[in-house]
Amino acid sequence: SLRLSCAASGSIFSINDMAWYRQAPGK
């Protein structure tokens, strides 16, 4: 198992949708 984290930073007013994508070699 692994847990990935994604933190938004900077001058953020609001966040709507969030998602995870991936790309394997050659795909």
PDB file of all heavy atoms in Angstrom:
ATOM      1  N   SER A   1       0.821  -1.205   0.000  1.00  0.00           N
ATOM      2  CA  SER A   1       0.000   0.000   0.000  1.00  0.00           C
ATOM      3  C   SER A   1       0.853   1.252   0.000  1.00  0.00           C
ATOM      4  O   SER A   1       1.995   1.250   0.472  1.00  0.00           O
ATOM      5  CB  SER A   1      -0.917   0.027   1.233  1.00  0.00           C
ATOM      6  OG  SER A   1      -1.768  -1.098   1.277  1.00  0.00           O
ATOM      7  N   LEU A   2       0.302   2.308  -0.532  1.00  0.00           N
ATOM      8  CA  LEU A   2       0.916   3.629  -0.514  1.00  0.00           C
ATOM      9  C   LEU A   2      -0.168   4.674  -0.354  1.00  0.00           C
ATOM     10  O   LEU A   2      -1.304   4.462  -0.780  1.00  0.00           O
ATOM     11  CB  LEU A   2       1.686   3.916  -1.805  1.00  0.00           C
ATOM     12  CG  LEU A   2       3.091   3.354  -1.989  1.00  0.00           C
ATOM     13  CD1 LEU A   2       3.604   3.724  -3.378  1.00  0.00           C
ATOM     14  CD2 LEU A   2       4.034   3.882  -0.922  1.00  0.00           C
ATOM     15  N   ARG A   3       0.195   5.792   0.244  1.00  0.00           N
ATOM     16  CA  ARG A   3      -0.692   6.935   0.313  1.00  0.00           C
ATOM     17  C   ARG A   3      -0.035   8.114  -0.365  1.00  0.00           C
ATOM     18  O   ARG A   3       1.047   8.549   0.037  1.00  0.00           O
ATOM     19  CB  ARG A   3      -1.022   7.304   1.766  1.00  0.00           C
ATOM     20  CG  ARG A   3      -2.072   8.418   1.864  1.00  0.00           C
ATOM     21  CD  ARG A   3      -2.168   9.022   3.248  1.00  0.00           C
ATOM     22  NE  ARG A   3      -1.023   9.865   3.564  1.00  0.00           N
ATOM     23  CZ  ARG A   3      -0.942  10.640   4.639  1.00  0.00           C
ATOM     24  NH1 ARG A   3      -1.936  10.659   5.517  1.00  0.00           N
ATOM     25  NH2 ARG A   3       0.135  11.370   4.853  1.00  0.00           N
ATOM     26  N   LEU A   4      -0.679   8.610  -1.391  1.00  0.00           N
ATOM     27  CA  LEU A   4      -0.217   9.800  -2.076  1.00  0.00           C
ATOM     28  C   LEU A   4      -0.927  11.022  -1.518  1.00  0.00           C
ATOM     29  O   LEU A   4      -2.120  10.971  -1.209  1.00  0.00           O
ATOM     30  CB  LEU A   4      -0.469   9.707  -3.578  1.00  0.00           C
ATOM     31  CG  LEU A   4       0.123   8.502  -4.319  1.00  0.00           C
ATOM     32  CD1 LEU A   4      -0.146   8.636  -5.812  1.00  0.00           C
ATOM     33  CD2 LEU A   4       1.607   8.374  -4.048  1.00  0.00           C
ATOM     34  N   SER A   5      -0.190  12.107  -1.400  1.00  0.00           N
ATOM     35  CA  SER A   5      -0.756  13.362  -0.931  1.00  0.00           C
ATOM     36  C   SER A   5      -0.513  14.438  -1.972  1.00  0.00           C
ATOM     37  O   SER A   5       0.500  14.430  -2.667  1.00  0.00           O
ATOM     38  CB  SER A   5      -0.127  13.790   0.396  1.00  0.00           C
ATOM     39  OG  SER A   5      -0.346  12.836   1.406  1.00  0.00           O
ATOM     40  N   CYS A   6      -1.434  15.358  -2.060  1.00  0.00           N
ATOM     41  CA  CYS A   6      -1.302  16.493  -2.966  1.00  0.00           C
ATOM     42  C   CYS A   6      -1.788  17.731  -2.243  1.00  0.00           C
ATOM     43  O   CYS A   6      -2.982  17.845  -1.944  1.00  0.00           O
ATOM     44  CB  CYS A   6      -2.101  16.261  -4.246  1.00  0.00           C
ATOM     45  SG  CYS A   6      -2.161  17.697  -5.344  1.00  0.00           S
ATOM     46  N   ALA A   7      -0.881  18.637  -1.975  1.00  0.00           N
ATOM     47  CA  ALA A   7      -1.207  19.850  -1.242  1.00  0.00           C
ATOM     48  C   ALA A   7      -1.165  21.059  -2.163  1.00  0.00           C
ATOM     49  O   ALA A   7      -0.182  21.278  -2.871  1.00  0.00           O
ATOM     50  CB  ALA A   7      -0.239  20.046  -0.080  1.00  0.00           C
ATOM     51  N   ALA A   8      -2.229  21.828  -2.138  1.00  0.00           N
ATOM     52  CA  ALA A   8      -2.277  23.077  -2.880  1.00  0.00           C
ATOM     53  C   ALA A   8      -1.746  24.201  -1.995  1.00  0.00           C
ATOM     54  O   ALA A   8      -2.038  24.250  -0.804  1.00  0.00           O
ATOM     55  CB  ALA A   8      -3.704  23.382  -3.325  1.00  0.00           C
ATOM     56  N   SER A   9      -0.976  25.073  -2.581  1.00  0.00           N
ATOM     57  CA  SER A   9      -0.418  26.180  -1.824  1.00  0.00           C
ATOM     58  C   SER A   9      -0.411  27.448  -2.665  1.00  0.00           C
ATOM     59  O   SER A   9      -0.545  27.397  -3.883  1.00  0.00           O
ATOM     60  CB  SER A   9       1.002  25.858  -1.352  1.00  0.00           C
ATOM     61  OG  SER A   9       1.875  25.655  -2.453  1.00  0.00           O
ATOM     62  N   GLY A  10      -0.228  28.566  -2.000  1.00  0.00           N
ATOM     63  CA  GLY A  10      -0.211  29.851  -2.672  1.00  0.00           C
ATOM     64  C   GLY A  10      -1.436  30.670  -2.343  1.00  0.00           C
ATOM     65  O   GLY A  10      -2.116  30.439  -1.346  1.00  0.00           O
ATOM     66  N   SER A  11      -1.715  31.626  -3.196  1.00  0.00           N
ATOM     67  CA  SER A  11      -2.841  32.536  -2.983  1.00  0.00           C
ATOM     68  C   SER A  11      -4.134  31.901  -3.481  1.00  0.00           C
ATOM     69  O   SER A  11      -4.664  32.274  -4.530  1.00  0.00           O
ATOM     70  CB  SER A  11      -2.574  33.866  -3.681  1.00  0.00           C
ATOM     71  OG  SER A  11      -1.375  34.463  -3.217  1.00  0.00           O
ATOM     72  N   ILE A  12      -4.636  30.941  -2.726  1.00  0.00           N
ATOM     73  CA  ILE A  12      -5.818  30.174  -3.107  1.00  0.00           C
ATOM     74  C   ILE A  12      -7.072  30.803  -2.524  1.00  0.00           C
ATOM     75  O   ILE A  12      -7.158  31.028  -1.325  1.00  0.00           O
ATOM     76  CB  ILE A  12      -5.712  28.720  -2.642  1.00  0.00           C
ATOM     77  CG1 ILE A  12      -4.467  28.060  -3.230  1.00  0.00           C
ATOM     78  CG2 ILE A  12      -6.966  27.941  -3.032  1.00  0.00           C
ATOM     79  CD1 ILE A  12      -4.155  26.718  -2.621  1.00  0.00           C
ATOM     80  N   PHE A  13      -8.038  31.044  -3.377  1.00  0.00           N
ATOM     81  CA  PHE A  13      -9.331  31.526  -2.922  1.00  0.00           C
ATOM     82  C   PHE A  13     -10.272  30.358  -2.663  1.00  0.00           C
ATOM     83  O   PHE A  13     -10.962  30.330  -1.643  1.00  0.00           O
ATOM     84  CB  PHE A  13      -9.945  32.487  -3.946  1.00  0.00           C
ATOM     85  CG  PHE A  13     -11.293  33.010  -3.540  1.00  0.00           C
ATOM     86  CD1 PHE A  13     -11.407  34.066  -2.658  1.00  0.00           C
ATOM     87  CD2 PHE A  13     -12.457  32.446  -4.042  1.00  0.00           C
ATOM     88  CE1 PHE A  13     -12.634  34.557  -2.266  1.00  0.00           C
ATOM     89  CE2 PHE A  13     -13.698  32.927  -3.664  1.00  0.00           C
ATOM     90  CZ  PHE A  13     -13.786  33.989  -2.776  1.00  0.00           C
ATOM     91  N   SER A  14     -10.291  29.412  -3.583  1.00  0.00           N
ATOM     92  CA  SER A  14     -11.177  28.269  -3.440  1.00  0.00           C
ATOM     93  C   SER A  14     -10.698  27.126  -4.327  1.00  0.00           C
ATOM     94  O   SER A  14     -10.051  27.353  -5.343  1.00  0.00           O
ATOM     95  CB  SER A  14     -12.611  28.657  -3.800  1.00  0.00           C
ATOM     96  OG  SER A  14     -13.511  27.579  -3.575  1.00  0.00           O
ATOM     97  N   ILE A  15     -11.026  25.908  -3.925  1.00  0.00           N
ATOM     98  CA  ILE A  15     -10.715  24.720  -4.695  1.00  0.00           C
ATOM     99  C   ILE A  15     -12.006  23.973  -4.998  1.00  0.00           C
ATOM    100  O   ILE A  15     -12.808  23.736  -4.099  1.00  0.00           O
ATOM    101  CB  ILE A  15      -9.755  23.775  -3.950  1.00  0.00           C
ATOM    102  CG1 ILE A  15      -8.470  24.507  -3.577  1.00  0.00           C
ATOM    103  CG2 ILE A  15      -9.454  22.540  -4.791  1.00  0.00           C
ATOM    104  CD1 ILE A  15      -7.510  23.670  -2.759  1.00  0.00           C
ATOM    105  N   ASN A  16     -12.199  23.622  -6.245  1.00  0.00           N
ATOM    106  CA  ASN A  16     -13.376  22.876  -6.640  1.00  0.00           C
ATOM    107  C   ASN A  16     -13.018  21.392  -6.766  1.00  0.00           C
ATOM    108  O   ASN A  16     -12.725  20.747  -5.771  1.00  0.00           O
ATOM    109  CB  ASN A  16     -13.938  23.431  -7.951  1.00  0.00           C
ATOM    110  CG  ASN A  16     -15.398  23.076  -8.152  1.00  0.00           C
ATOM    111  OD1 ASN A  16     -15.801  21.924  -7.962  1.00  0.00           O
ATOM    112  ND2 ASN A  16     -16.200  24.057  -8.535  1.00  0.00           N
ATOM    113  N   ASP A  17     -13.012  20.870  -7.972  1.00  0.00           N
ATOM    114  CA  ASP A  17     -12.715  19.460  -8.173  1.00  0.00           C
ATOM    115  C   ASP A  17     -11.234  19.163  -7.972  1.00  0.00           C
ATOM    116  O   ASP A  17     -10.376  19.987  -8.256  1.00  0.00           O
ATOM    117  CB  ASP A  17     -13.116  19.028  -9.583  1.00  0.00           C
ATOM    118  CG  ASP A  17     -14.575  19.289  -9.875  1.00  0.00           C
ATOM    119  OD1 ASP A  17     -14.916  20.448 -10.192  1.00  0.00           O
ATOM    120  OD2 ASP A  17     -15.367  18.336  -9.812  1.00  0.00           O
ATOM    121  N   MET A  18     -10.947  17.956  -7.501  1.00  0.00           N
ATOM    122  CA  MET A  18      -9.586  17.466  -7.397  1.00  0.00           C
ATOM    123  C   MET A  18      -9.565  16.039  -7.936  1.00  0.00           C
ATOM    124  O   MET A  18     -10.561  15.321  -7.855  1.00  0.00           O
ATOM    125  CB  MET A  18      -9.079  17.504  -5.957  1.00  0.00           C
ATOM    126  CG  MET A  18      -9.166  18.874  -5.306  1.00  0.00           C
ATOM    127  SD  MET A  18      -8.354  18.967  -3.687  1.00  0.00           S
ATOM    128  CE  MET A  18      -6.650  19.239  -4.204  1.00  0.00           C
ATOM    129  N   ALA A  19      -8.432  15.639  -8.475  1.00  0.00           N
ATOM    130  CA  ALA A  19      -8.360  14.319  -9.088  1.00  0.00           C
ATOM    131  C   ALA A  19      -6.924  13.824  -9.144  1.00  0.00           C
ATOM    132  O   ALA A  19      -5.974  14.592  -8.995  1.00  0.00           O
ATOM    133  CB  ALA A  19      -8.956  14.345 -10.500  1.00  0.00           C
ATOM    134  N   TRP A  20      -6.798  12.527  -9.371  1.00  0.00           N
ATOM    135  CA  TRP A  20      -5.515  11.895  -9.599  1.00  0.00           C
ATOM    136  C   TRP A  20      -5.518  11.233 -10.970  1.00  0.00           C
ATOM    137  O   TRP A  20      -6.463  10.516 -11.311  1.00  0.00           O
ATOM    138  CB  TRP A  20      -5.207  10.836  -8.538  1.00  0.00           C
ATOM    139  CG  TRP A  20      -4.880  11.409  -7.201  1.00  0.00           C
ATOM    140  CD1 TRP A  20      -5.724  11.644  -6.165  1.00  0.00           C
ATOM    141  CD2 TRP A  20      -3.583  11.824  -6.752  1.00  0.00           C
ATOM    142  NE1 TRP A  20      -5.058  12.174  -5.095  1.00  0.00           N
ATOM    143  CE2 TRP A  20      -3.731  12.297  -5.430  1.00  0.00           C
ATOM    144  CE3 TRP A  20      -2.311  11.835  -7.340  1.00  0.00           C
ATOM    145  CZ2 TRP A  20      -2.655  12.780  -4.681  1.00  0.00           C
ATOM    146  CZ3 TRP A  20      -1.247  12.320  -6.601  1.00  0.00           C
ATOM    147  CH2 TRP A  20      -1.431  12.781  -5.287  1.00  0.00           C
ATOM    148  N   TYR A  21      -4.487  11.483 -11.732  1.00  0.00           N
ATOM    149  CA  TYR A  21      -4.261  10.847 -13.015  1.00  0.00           C
ATOM    150  C   TYR A  21      -2.966  10.058 -12.933  1.00  0.00           C
ATOM    151  O   TYR A  21      -2.153  10.263 -12.035  1.00  0.00           O
ATOM    152  CB  TYR A  21      -4.147  11.883 -14.135  1.00  0.00           C
ATOM    153  CG  TYR A  21      -5.441  12.573 -14.513  1.00  0.00           C
ATOM    154  CD1 TYR A  21      -6.013  13.527 -13.686  1.00  0.00           C
ATOM    155  CD2 TYR A  21      -6.069  12.281 -15.720  1.00  0.00           C
ATOM    156  CE1 TYR A  21      -7.186  14.170 -14.038  1.00  0.00           C
ATOM    157  CE2 TYR A  21      -7.240  12.921 -16.082  1.00  0.00           C
ATOM    158  CZ  TYR A  21      -7.793  13.861 -15.242  1.00  0.00           C
ATOM    159  OH  TYR A  21      -8.957  14.499 -15.607  1.00  0.00           O
ATOM    160  N   ARG A  22      -2.760   9.170 -13.897  1.00  0.00           N
ATOM    161  CA  ARG A  22      -1.496   8.462 -13.971  1.00  0.00           C
ATOM    162  C   ARG A  22      -1.134   8.198 -15.422  1.00  0.00           C
ATOM    163  O   ARG A  22      -1.998   8.144 -16.289  1.00  0.00           O
ATOM    164  CB  ARG A  22      -1.537   7.143 -13.189  1.00  0.00           C
ATOM    165  CG  ARG A  22      -2.419   6.061 -13.797  1.00  0.00           C
ATOM    166  CD  ARG A  22      -2.467   4.853 -12.889  1.00  0.00           C
ATOM    167  NE  ARG A  22      -3.274   3.777 -13.442  1.00  0.00           N
ATOM    168  CZ  ARG A  22      -3.591   2.665 -12.786  1.00  0.00           C
ATOM    169  NH1 ARG A  22      -3.148   2.484 -11.533  1.00  0.00           N
ATOM    170  NH2 ARG A  22      -4.336   1.730 -13.369  1.00  0.00           N
ATOM    171  N   GLN A  23       0.150   8.047 -15.661  1.00  0.00           N
ATOM    172  CA  GLN A  23       0.646   7.759 -16.992  1.00  0.00           C
ATOM    173  C   GLN A  23       1.763   6.733 -16.899  1.00  0.00           C
ATOM    174  O   GLN A  23       2.803   6.991 -16.294  1.00  0.00           O
ATOM    175  CB  GLN A  23       1.145   9.026 -17.691  1.00  0.00           C
ATOM    176  CG  GLN A  23       1.525   8.813 -19.140  1.00  0.00           C
ATOM    177  CD  GLN A  23       1.710  10.118 -19.887  1.00  0.00           C
ATOM    178  OE1 GLN A  23       1.933  11.163 -19.281  1.00  0.00           O
ATOM    179  NE2 GLN A  23       1.607  10.068 -21.200  1.00  0.00           N
ATOM    180  N   ALA A  24       1.519   5.579 -17.478  1.00  0.00           N
ATOM    181  CA  ALA A  24       2.508   4.514 -17.521  1.00  0.00           C
ATOM    182  C   ALA A  24       3.351   4.663 -18.784  1.00  0.00           C
ATOM    183  O   ALA A  24       2.920   5.291 -19.760  1.00  0.00           O
ATOM    184  CB  ALA A  24       1.824   3.151 -17.497  1.00  0.00           C
ATOM    185  N   PRO A  25       4.550   4.080 -18.803  1.00  0.00           N
ATOM    186  CA  PRO A  25       5.403   4.180 -19.989  1.00  0.00           C
ATOM    187  C   PRO A  25       4.708   3.681 -21.243  1.00  0.00           C
ATOM    188  O   PRO A  25       4.135   2.593 -21.251  1.00  0.00           O
ATOM    189  CB  PRO A  25       6.597   3.294 -19.625  1.00  0.00           C
ATOM    190  CG  PRO A  25       6.652   3.339 -18.138  1.00  0.00           C
ATOM    191  CD  PRO A  25       5.203   3.362 -17.707  1.00  0.00           C
ATOM    192  N   GLY A  26       4.734   4.487 -22.293  1.00  0.00           N
ATOM    193  CA  GLY A  26       4.136   4.103 -23.553  1.00  0.00           C
ATOM    194  C   GLY A  26       2.627   4.177 -23.610  1.00  0.00           C
ATOM    195  O   GLY A  26       2.032   3.753 -24.602  1.00  0.00           O
ATOM    196  N   LYS A  27       1.999   4.698 -22.572  1.00  0.00           N
ATOM    197  CA  LYS A  27       0.551   4.781 -22.533  1.00  0.00           C
ATOM    198  C   LYS A  27       0.085   6.217 -22.323  1.00  0.00           C
ATOM    199  O   LYS A  27       0.851   7.078 -21.904  1.00  0.00           O
ATOM    200  CB  LYS A  27      -0.016   3.891 -21.427  1.00  0.00           C
ATOM    201  CG  LYS A  27       0.246   2.406 -21.616  1.00  0.00           C
ATOM    202  CD  LYS A  27      -0.428   1.585 -20.540  1.00  0.00           C
ATOM    203  CE  LYS A  27      -0.215   0.102 -20.761  1.00  0.00           C
ATOM    204  NZ  LYS A  27      -0.891  -0.706 -19.712  1.00  0.00           N
TER     205      LYS A  27
END
